[in-house]
Amino acid sequence: MRNLKHVVITLLLVTFSCTSGPKAIDYGNEGCFFCKMTIVDKVHAAEVVTKKGKTYTFDATECMVHFLNTFDTATIKLYLSNDYNVPESLIDATQSTFLISKNIPSPMGAYLSAFKTQEEAIAIQLQKGGEIYTWNELLIHLNK
C-alpha cells in the first residue's frame, strides 16, 4: 500500500510538472524576450509557449510577431496576446481579432490591440477608428 501511495504521488508530480501552458507575466519585473524592454503594459503584452513548455514573454504582440521570424515556429504550441478588454488576460492570438488604431497606443508603436472576438474589436473600432485584422492578416501586415 505504501508503494502504491508513492507511485500515485510520483505520477501526479510528473503530470503537473510537464504541463505546457501559459504562465502569468510578472509585470514591472519581467523583460520582453525580443526587445528587452520591461513588460509593464497589462493590455498589450504577449506570450509564446513551446511544445516543451518553455515560455517567451513580450511587451507587445508586435514583438511576438517579429520574434517569430527568428524562431522555429514548428516548436510553438501557443501564441497568446493580452485581451484589450480584460487586462492581464491572455487569449489565443491565432483565434483573436486585432485592431490597429492610432488612438490606442501600444508599447512598441504599432498601435496594435487584441480582442477575443471580432464583435469586441468592431465595437472599439467604431469608437477609436483603425483597421481590423485576423491573425494571418496581421502576420502579413507586420512582415511587409
Protein backbone atom coordinates (compact mmCIF):
# COMPACT_ATOMS: atom_id res chain seq x y z
CA MET A 1 0.00 0.00 0.00
CA ARG A 2 2.84 2.36 0.85
CA ASN A 3 4.46 1.75 -2.56
CA LEU A 4 1.17 2.45 -4.31
CA LYS A 5 0.98 5.79 -2.49
CA HIS A 6 4.49 6.70 -3.71
CA VAL A 7 3.61 5.71 -7.28
CA VAL A 8 0.48 7.88 -7.24
CA ILE A 9 2.36 10.88 -5.81
CA THR A 10 5.15 10.46 -8.38
CA LEU A 11 2.64 10.26 -11.24
CA LEU A 12 0.89 13.40 -10.03
CA LEU A 13 4.18 15.30 -9.79
CA VAL A 14 5.24 14.21 -13.27
CA THR A 15 1.84 15.09 -14.74
CA PHE A 16 1.73 18.58 -13.27
CA SER A 17 5.39 19.40 -13.85
CA CYS A 18 5.11 18.61 -17.58
CA THR A 19 2.23 20.90 -18.41
CA SER A 20 2.97 23.31 -21.18
CA GLY A 21 0.51 26.11 -20.70
CA PRO A 22 0.71 29.85 -20.29
CA LYS A 23 2.28 31.42 -17.23
CA ALA A 24 1.37 34.70 -15.61
CA ILE A 25 3.51 37.60 -16.77
CA ASP A 26 5.39 39.35 -13.95
CA TYR A 27 4.58 42.94 -14.96
CA GLY A 28 7.19 45.50 -13.98
CA ASN A 29 9.86 42.84 -13.44
CA GLU A 30 9.95 40.62 -16.50
CA GLY A 31 11.63 41.68 -19.73
CA CYS A 32 10.47 41.29 -23.31
CA PHE A 33 12.37 38.44 -24.95
CA PHE A 34 12.54 40.33 -28.26
CA CYS A 35 13.22 44.00 -27.45
CA LYS A 36 14.41 43.57 -23.84
CA MET A 37 12.10 46.33 -22.50
CA THR A 38 10.48 45.70 -19.13
CA ILE A 39 6.89 44.49 -19.57
CA VAL A 40 4.58 46.97 -17.83
CA ASP A 41 1.57 47.32 -20.15
CA LYS A 42 -1.13 44.90 -18.95
CA VAL A 43 -3.23 45.42 -22.09
CA HIS A 44 -0.74 44.72 -24.87
CA ALA A 45 1.67 42.03 -23.60
CA ALA A 46 2.03 38.67 -25.33
CA GLU A 47 3.49 35.21 -24.77
CA VAL A 48 4.60 32.16 -26.72
CA VAL A 49 4.58 28.67 -25.18
CA THR A 50 6.59 25.91 -26.84
CA LYS A 51 5.53 22.28 -27.04
CA LYS A 52 8.12 21.55 -24.34
CA GLY A 53 6.57 24.17 -22.03
CA LYS A 54 9.14 26.97 -22.34
CA THR A 55 7.56 30.42 -22.32
CA TYR A 56 8.76 33.58 -24.04
CA THR A 57 7.12 36.82 -22.94
CA PHE A 58 6.81 40.06 -24.88
CA ASP A 59 5.81 43.63 -24.06
CA ALA A 60 3.61 43.78 -27.17
CA THR A 61 2.08 41.48 -29.77
CA GLU A 62 4.22 43.15 -32.42
CA CYS A 63 7.36 41.97 -30.58
CA MET A 64 5.97 38.44 -30.56
CA VAL A 65 5.32 38.59 -34.31
CA HIS A 66 8.83 39.87 -35.04
CA PHE A 67 10.30 37.17 -32.76
CA LEU A 68 8.61 34.52 -34.92
CA ASN A 69 10.90 35.48 -37.80
CA THR A 70 13.89 34.29 -35.76
CA PHE A 71 12.41 31.16 -34.16
CA ASP A 72 11.43 27.64 -35.24
CA THR A 73 7.65 28.08 -35.18
CA ALA A 74 7.14 24.31 -35.54
CA THR A 75 8.06 24.07 -31.84
CA ILE A 76 5.36 26.53 -30.72
CA LYS A 77 2.23 25.24 -29.01
CA LEU A 78 0.51 28.53 -28.08
CA TYR A 79 0.54 32.11 -29.34
CA LEU A 80 -1.07 34.37 -26.76
CA SER A 81 -1.92 38.08 -26.60
CA ASN A 82 -3.42 40.12 -23.80
CA ASP A 83 -7.11 40.83 -24.28
CA TYR A 84 -7.68 44.58 -24.66
CA ASN A 85 -10.98 44.33 -22.76
CA VAL A 86 -9.61 42.16 -19.91
CA PRO A 87 -6.12 43.41 -18.97
CA GLU A 88 -3.62 40.67 -17.96
CA SER A 89 -5.86 38.02 -19.55
CA LEU A 90 -4.03 36.01 -22.23
CA ILE A 91 -6.09 34.83 -25.20
CA ASP A 92 -5.28 32.61 -28.17
CA ALA A 93 -3.75 35.02 -30.68
CA THR A 94 -4.46 32.71 -33.60
CA GLN A 95 -8.20 32.95 -32.86
CA SER A 96 -8.20 36.65 -31.92
CA THR A 97 -9.15 39.73 -33.87
CA PHE A 98 -6.68 42.61 -33.93
CA LEU A 99 -7.21 46.33 -34.25
CA ILE A 100 -4.56 48.78 -35.34
CA SER A 101 -5.76 52.22 -34.28
CA LYS A 102 -3.68 55.40 -33.91
CA ASN A 103 -5.96 56.19 -30.95
CA ILE A 104 -4.77 53.18 -28.91
CA PRO A 105 -1.01 53.37 -28.32
CA SER A 106 0.87 50.12 -27.71
CA PRO A 107 4.38 49.81 -26.21
CA MET A 108 6.31 49.46 -29.47
CA GLY A 109 4.35 51.97 -31.52
CA ALA A 110 2.35 49.61 -33.73
CA TYR A 111 -0.95 50.76 -32.15
CA LEU A 112 -1.93 47.09 -32.06
CA SER A 113 -4.52 45.59 -29.71
CA ALA A 114 -6.00 42.07 -29.48
CA PHE A 115 -9.63 41.17 -28.90
CA LYS A 116 -11.20 37.83 -28.07
CA THR A 117 -13.98 38.31 -30.62
CA GLN A 118 -14.47 40.19 -33.84
CA GLU A 119 -17.55 41.86 -32.36
CA GLU A 120 -15.49 43.33 -29.50
CA ALA A 121 -12.88 44.62 -31.95
CA ILE A 122 -15.54 46.23 -34.13
CA ALA A 123 -17.14 47.93 -31.10
CA ILE A 124 -13.81 49.57 -30.20
CA GLN A 125 -13.09 50.33 -33.87
CA LEU A 126 -16.35 52.30 -34.03
CA GLN A 127 -15.12 54.42 -31.10
CA LYS A 128 -11.41 54.69 -31.91
CA GLY A 129 -11.11 54.07 -35.67
CA GLY A 130 -8.49 51.87 -37.27
CA GLU A 131 -8.18 48.67 -39.25
CA ILE A 132 -9.23 45.13 -38.26
CA TYR A 133 -7.01 42.08 -38.88
CA THR A 134 -7.17 38.33 -38.33
CA TRP A 135 -4.02 36.61 -37.03
CA ASN A 136 -2.90 35.60 -40.53
CA GLU A 137 -3.62 39.05 -41.96
CA LEU A 138 -1.68 40.60 -39.09
CA LEU A 139 1.36 38.41 -39.76
CA ILE A 140 1.37 39.54 -43.40
CA HIS A 141 0.82 43.19 -42.49
CA LEU A 142 3.61 43.35 -39.87
CA ASN A 143 6.08 41.47 -42.07
CA LYS A 144 5.80 43.80 -45.09
